[in-house]
Amino acid sequence: DEPAEIEAAFRDAWAGADVIITTG
């Protein structure tokens, strides 16, 4: 739940995926 870790994970997913689902 750490903001910096969420940002890093989402940035990586947004760069490589076409559809991104987050939960929680």
PDB file of all heavy atoms in Angstrom:
ATOM      1  N   ASP A   1       0.810  -1.222   0.000  1.00  0.00           N
ATOM      2  CA  ASP A   1       0.000   0.000   0.000  1.00  0.00           C
ATOM      3  C   ASP A   1       0.843   1.273   0.000  1.00  0.00           C
ATOM      4  O   ASP A   1       0.306   2.359   0.218  1.00  0.00           O
ATOM      5  CB  ASP A   1      -0.931   0.000   1.224  1.00  0.00           C
ATOM      6  CG  ASP A   1      -2.015  -1.063   1.126  1.00  0.00           C
ATOM      7  OD1 ASP A   1      -2.618  -1.178   0.044  1.00  0.00           O
ATOM      8  OD2 ASP A   1      -2.249  -1.773   2.112  1.00  0.00           O
ATOM      9  N   GLU A   2       2.142   1.162  -0.222  1.00  0.00           N
ATOM     10  CA  GLU A   2       3.016   2.327  -0.233  1.00  0.00           C
ATOM     11  C   GLU A   2       2.864   3.093  -1.552  1.00  0.00           C
ATOM     12  O   GLU A   2       2.980   2.499  -2.640  1.00  0.00           O
ATOM     13  CB  GLU A   2       4.478   1.896  -0.064  1.00  0.00           C
ATOM     14  CG  GLU A   2       4.797   1.301   1.291  1.00  0.00           C
ATOM     15  CD  GLU A   2       4.589   2.327   2.404  1.00  0.00           C
ATOM     16  OE1 GLU A   2       4.881   3.522   2.174  1.00  0.00           O
ATOM     17  OE2 GLU A   2       4.127   1.928   3.486  1.00  0.00           O
ATOM     18  N   PRO A   3       2.596   4.412  -1.516  1.00  0.00           N
ATOM     19  CA  PRO A   3       2.369   5.180  -2.747  1.00  0.00           C
ATOM     20  C   PRO A   3       3.488   5.037  -3.772  1.00  0.00           C
ATOM     21  O   PRO A   3       3.211   4.873  -4.973  1.00  0.00           O
ATOM     22  CB  PRO A   3       2.259   6.620  -2.236  1.00  0.00           C
ATOM     23  CG  PRO A   3       1.756   6.488  -0.835  1.00  0.00           C
ATOM     24  CD  PRO A   3       2.394   5.237  -0.304  1.00  0.00           C
ATOM     25  N   ALA A   4       4.749   5.089  -3.333  1.00  0.00           N
ATOM     26  CA  ALA A   4       5.857   5.010  -4.285  1.00  0.00           C
ATOM     27  C   ALA A   4       5.884   3.655  -4.993  1.00  0.00           C
ATOM     28  O   ALA A   4       6.189   3.574  -6.193  1.00  0.00           O
ATOM     29  CB  ALA A   4       7.178   5.252  -3.569  1.00  0.00           C
ATOM     30  N   GLU A   5       5.562   2.599  -4.272  1.00  0.00           N
ATOM     31  CA  GLU A   5       5.571   1.267  -4.875  1.00  0.00           C
ATOM     32  C   GLU A   5       4.383   1.088  -5.821  1.00  0.00           C
ATOM     33  O   GLU A   5       4.501   0.416  -6.854  1.00  0.00           O
ATOM     34  CB  GLU A   5       5.579   0.204  -3.781  1.00  0.00           C
ATOM     35  CG  GLU A   5       6.847   0.251  -2.935  1.00  0.00           C
ATOM     36  CD  GLU A   5       6.924  -0.886  -1.941  1.00  0.00           C
ATOM     37  OE1 GLU A   5       6.288  -1.937  -2.168  1.00  0.00           O
ATOM     38  OE2 GLU A   5       7.623  -0.726  -0.923  1.00  0.00           O
ATOM     39  N   ILE A   6       3.252   1.667  -5.473  1.00  0.00           N
ATOM     40  CA  ILE A   6       2.099   1.618  -6.377  1.00  0.00           C
ATOM     41  C   ILE A   6       2.431   2.351  -7.674  1.00  0.00           C
ATOM     42  O   ILE A   6       2.151   1.861  -8.775  1.00  0.00           O
ATOM     43  CB  ILE A   6       0.860   2.229  -5.711  1.00  0.00           C
ATOM     44  CG1 ILE A   6       0.478   1.436  -4.458  1.00  0.00           C
ATOM     45  CG2 ILE A   6      -0.316   2.266  -6.687  1.00  0.00           C
ATOM     46  CD1 ILE A   6      -0.628   2.068  -3.637  1.00  0.00           C
ATOM     47  N   GLU A   7       3.045   3.533  -7.535  1.00  0.00           N
ATOM     48  CA  GLU A   7       3.412   4.308  -8.729  1.00  0.00           C
ATOM     49  C   GLU A   7       4.366   3.529  -9.619  1.00  0.00           C
ATOM     50  O   GLU A   7       4.198   3.487 -10.847  1.00  0.00           O
ATOM     51  CB  GLU A   7       4.043   5.637  -8.308  1.00  0.00           C
ATOM     52  CG  GLU A   7       3.061   6.616  -7.691  1.00  0.00           C
ATOM     53  CD  GLU A   7       3.718   7.949  -7.373  1.00  0.00           C
ATOM     54  OE1 GLU A   7       4.646   8.334  -8.126  1.00  0.00           O
ATOM     55  OE2 GLU A   7       3.321   8.597  -6.385  1.00  0.00           O
ATOM     56  N   ALA A   8       5.374   2.900  -9.021  1.00  0.00           N
ATOM     57  CA  ALA A   8       6.365   2.173  -9.813  1.00  0.00           C
ATOM     58  C   ALA A   8       5.722   0.997 -10.547  1.00  0.00           C
ATOM     59  O   ALA A   8       5.985   0.773 -11.734  1.00  0.00           O
ATOM     60  CB  ALA A   8       7.502   1.686  -8.910  1.00  0.00           C
ATOM     61  N   ALA A   9       4.882   0.247  -9.842  1.00  0.00           N
ATOM     62  CA  ALA A   9       4.235  -0.910 -10.456  1.00  0.00           C
ATOM     63  C   ALA A   9       3.271  -0.482 -11.552  1.00  0.00           C
ATOM     64  O   ALA A   9       3.222  -1.087 -12.632  1.00  0.00           O
ATOM     65  CB  ALA A   9       3.503  -1.721  -9.392  1.00  0.00           C
ATOM     66  N   PHE A  10       2.524   0.587 -11.291  1.00  0.00           N
ATOM     67  CA  PHE A  10       1.557   1.030 -12.298  1.00  0.00           C
ATOM     68  C   PHE A  10       2.271   1.618 -13.516  1.00  0.00           C
ATOM     69  O   PHE A  10       1.856   1.380 -14.658  1.00  0.00           O
ATOM     70  CB  PHE A  10       0.608   2.064 -11.707  1.00  0.00           C
ATOM     71  CG  PHE A  10      -0.377   2.577 -12.718  1.00  0.00           C
ATOM     72  CD1 PHE A  10      -1.442   1.791 -13.133  1.00  0.00           C
ATOM     73  CD2 PHE A  10      -0.221   3.834 -13.289  1.00  0.00           C
ATOM     74  CE1 PHE A  10      -2.344   2.245 -14.094  1.00  0.00           C
ATOM     75  CE2 PHE A  10      -1.108   4.294 -14.250  1.00  0.00           C
ATOM     76  CZ  PHE A  10      -2.173   3.496 -14.645  1.00  0.00           C
ATOM     77  N   ARG A  11       3.330   2.347 -13.294  1.00  0.00           N
ATOM     78  CA  ARG A  11       4.076   2.929 -14.419  1.00  0.00           C
ATOM     79  C   ARG A  11       4.597   1.822 -15.343  1.00  0.00           C
ATOM     80  O   ARG A  11       4.526   1.927 -16.580  1.00  0.00           O
ATOM     81  CB  ARG A  11       5.236   3.775 -13.897  1.00  0.00           C
ATOM     82  CG  ARG A  11       6.000   4.518 -14.998  1.00  0.00           C
ATOM     83  CD  ARG A  11       7.084   5.413 -14.425  1.00  0.00           C
ATOM     84  NE  ARG A  11       6.533   6.564 -13.712  1.00  0.00           N
ATOM     85  CZ  ARG A  11       6.535   6.695 -12.393  1.00  0.00           C
ATOM     86  NH1 ARG A  11       7.067   5.739 -11.633  1.00  0.00           N
ATOM     87  NH2 ARG A  11       6.011   7.754 -11.819  1.00  0.00           N
ATOM     88  N   ASP A  12       5.092   0.752 -14.743  1.00  0.00           N
ATOM     89  CA  ASP A  12       5.595  -0.372 -15.532  1.00  0.00           C
ATOM     90  C   ASP A  12       4.462  -1.056 -16.303  1.00  0.00           C
ATOM     91  O   ASP A  12       4.604  -1.382 -17.488  1.00  0.00           O
ATOM     92  CB  ASP A  12       6.283  -1.376 -14.603  1.00  0.00           C
ATOM     93  CG  ASP A  12       6.827  -2.573 -15.350  1.00  0.00           C
ATOM     94  OD1 ASP A  12       7.656  -2.376 -16.252  1.00  0.00           O
ATOM     95  OD2 ASP A  12       6.423  -3.704 -15.043  1.00  0.00           O
ATOM     96  N   ALA A  13       3.321  -1.262 -15.644  1.00  0.00           N
ATOM     97  CA  ALA A  13       2.182  -1.905 -16.300  1.00  0.00           C
ATOM     98  C   ALA A  13       1.632  -1.036 -17.424  1.00  0.00           C
ATOM     99  O   ALA A  13       1.312  -1.521 -18.516  1.00  0.00           O
ATOM    100  CB  ALA A  13       1.094  -2.205 -15.278  1.00  0.00           C
ATOM    101  N   TRP A  14       1.543   0.275 -17.173  1.00  0.00           N
ATOM    102  CA  TRP A  14       0.997   1.188 -18.175  1.00  0.00           C
ATOM    103  C   TRP A  14       1.893   1.231 -19.421  1.00  0.00           C
ATOM    104  O   TRP A  14       1.404   1.365 -20.546  1.00  0.00           O
ATOM    105  CB  TRP A  14       0.855   2.581 -17.572  1.00  0.00           C
ATOM    106  CG  TRP A  14       0.145   3.571 -18.450  1.00  0.00           C
ATOM    107  CD1 TRP A  14       0.711   4.575 -19.188  1.00  0.00           C
ATOM    108  CD2 TRP A  14      -1.265   3.656 -18.677  1.00  0.00           C
ATOM    109  NE1 TRP A  14      -0.260   5.268 -19.857  1.00  0.00           N
ATOM    110  CE2 TRP A  14      -1.485   4.735 -19.569  1.00  0.00           C
ATOM    111  CE3 TRP A  14      -2.361   2.937 -18.218  1.00  0.00           C
ATOM    112  CZ2 TRP A  14      -2.760   5.109 -19.999  1.00  0.00           C
ATOM    113  CZ3 TRP A  14      -3.635   3.298 -18.652  1.00  0.00           C
ATOM    114  CH2 TRP A  14      -3.820   4.368 -19.534  1.00  0.00           C
ATOM    115  N   ALA A  15       3.187   1.058 -19.220  1.00  0.00           N
ATOM    116  CA  ALA A  15       4.118   1.100 -20.346  1.00  0.00           C
ATOM    117  C   ALA A  15       4.027  -0.148 -21.218  1.00  0.00           C
ATOM    118  O   ALA A  15       4.247  -0.084 -22.432  1.00  0.00           O
ATOM    119  CB  ALA A  15       5.552   1.267 -19.841  1.00  0.00           C
ATOM    120  N   GLY A  16       3.676  -1.303 -20.602  1.00  0.00           N
ATOM    121  CA  GLY A  16       3.749  -2.546 -21.359  1.00  0.00           C
ATOM    122  C   GLY A  16       2.438  -3.221 -21.674  1.00  0.00           C
ATOM    123  O   GLY A  16       2.392  -4.119 -22.516  1.00  0.00           O
ATOM    124  N   ALA A  17       1.341  -2.822 -21.029  1.00  0.00           N
ATOM    125  CA  ALA A  17       0.067  -3.508 -21.211  1.00  0.00           C
ATOM    126  C   ALA A  17      -0.931  -2.625 -21.940  1.00  0.00           C
ATOM    127  O   ALA A  17      -0.787  -1.392 -22.001  1.00  0.00           O
ATOM    128  CB  ALA A  17      -0.502  -3.938 -19.853  1.00  0.00           C
ATOM    129  N   ASP A  18      -1.950  -3.266 -22.500  1.00  0.00           N
ATOM    130  CA  ASP A  18      -3.038  -2.541 -23.166  1.00  0.00           C
ATOM    131  C   ASP A  18      -4.226  -2.314 -22.235  1.00  0.00           C
ATOM    132  O   ASP A  18      -4.963  -1.343 -22.372  1.00  0.00           O
ATOM    133  CB  ASP A  18      -3.523  -3.328 -24.390  1.00  0.00           C
ATOM    134  CG  ASP A  18      -2.393  -3.623 -25.358  1.00  0.00           C
ATOM    135  OD1 ASP A  18      -1.852  -2.659 -25.926  1.00  0.00           O
ATOM    136  OD2 ASP A  18      -2.053  -4.807 -25.535  1.00  0.00           O
ATOM    137  N   VAL A  19      -4.418  -3.243 -21.309  1.00  0.00           N
ATOM    138  CA  VAL A  19      -5.502  -3.154 -20.320  1.00  0.00           C
ATOM    139  C   VAL A  19      -4.886  -3.385 -18.950  1.00  0.00           C
ATOM    140  O   VAL A  19      -4.150  -4.355 -18.742  1.00  0.00           O
ATOM    141  CB  VAL A  19      -6.600  -4.196 -20.582  1.00  0.00           C
ATOM    142  CG1 VAL A  19      -7.732  -4.048 -19.574  1.00  0.00           C
ATOM    143  CG2 VAL A  19      -7.132  -4.079 -22.011  1.00  0.00           C
ATOM    144  N   ILE A  20      -5.168  -2.500 -18.008  1.00  0.00           N
ATOM    145  CA  ILE A  20      -4.636  -2.615 -16.648  1.00  0.00           C
ATOM    146  C   ILE A  20      -5.803  -2.609 -15.683  1.00  0.00           C
ATOM    147  O   ILE A  20      -6.662  -1.726 -15.728  1.00  0.00           O
ATOM    148  CB  ILE A  20      -3.673  -1.459 -16.300  1.00  0.00           C
ATOM    149  CG1 ILE A  20      -2.492  -1.424 -17.276  1.00  0.00           C
ATOM    150  CG2 ILE A  20      -3.159  -1.602 -14.873  1.00  0.00           C
ATOM    151  CD1 ILE A  20      -2.697  -0.512 -18.460  1.00  0.00           C
ATOM    152  N   ILE A  21      -5.843  -3.608 -14.818  1.00  0.00           N
ATOM    153  CA  ILE A  21      -6.860  -3.715 -13.775  1.00  0.00           C
ATOM    154  C   ILE A  21      -6.162  -3.554 -12.433  1.00  0.00           C
ATOM    155  O   ILE A  21      -5.155  -4.217 -12.168  1.00  0.00           O
ATOM    156  CB  ILE A  21      -7.573  -5.077 -13.807  1.00  0.00           C
ATOM    157  CG1 ILE A  21      -8.042  -5.428 -15.214  1.00  0.00           C
ATOM    158  CG2 ILE A  21      -8.727  -5.094 -12.811  1.00  0.00           C
ATOM    159  CD1 ILE A  21      -9.158  -4.596 -15.748  1.00  0.00           C
ATOM    160  N   THR A  22      -6.684  -2.685 -11.584  1.00  0.00           N
ATOM    161  CA  THR A  22      -6.181  -2.591 -10.217  1.00  0.00           C
ATOM    162  C   THR A  22      -7.300  -2.981  -9.256  1.00  0.00           C
ATOM    163  O   THR A  22      -8.477  -2.756  -9.536  1.00  0.00           O
ATOM    164  CB  THR A  22      -5.684  -1.178  -9.860  1.00  0.00           C
ATOM    165  OG1 THR A  22      -6.806  -0.287  -9.716  1.00  0.00           O
ATOM    166  CG2 THR A  22      -4.742  -0.638 -10.925  1.00  0.00           C
ATOM    167  N   THR A  23      -6.922  -3.591  -8.132  1.00  0.00           N
ATOM    168  CA  THR A  23      -7.901  -3.937  -7.104  1.00  0.00           C
ATOM    169  C   THR A  23      -7.408  -3.424  -5.762  1.00  0.00           C
ATOM    170  O   THR A  23      -6.247  -3.596  -5.412  1.00  0.00           O
ATOM    171  CB  THR A  23      -8.120  -5.459  -7.008  1.00  0.00           C
ATOM    172  OG1 THR A  23      -6.938  -6.090  -6.497  1.00  0.00           O
ATOM    173  CG2 THR A  23      -8.456  -6.053  -8.370  1.00  0.00           C
ATOM    174  N   GLY A  24      -8.308  -2.773  -5.034  1.00  0.00           N
ATOM    175  CA  GLY A  24      -7.978  -2.303  -3.699  1.00  0.00           C
ATOM    176  C   GLY A  24      -7.448  -0.882  -3.677  1.00  0.00           C
ATOM    177  O   GLY A  24      -7.058  -0.315  -4.702  1.00  0.00           O
TER     178      GLY A  24
END
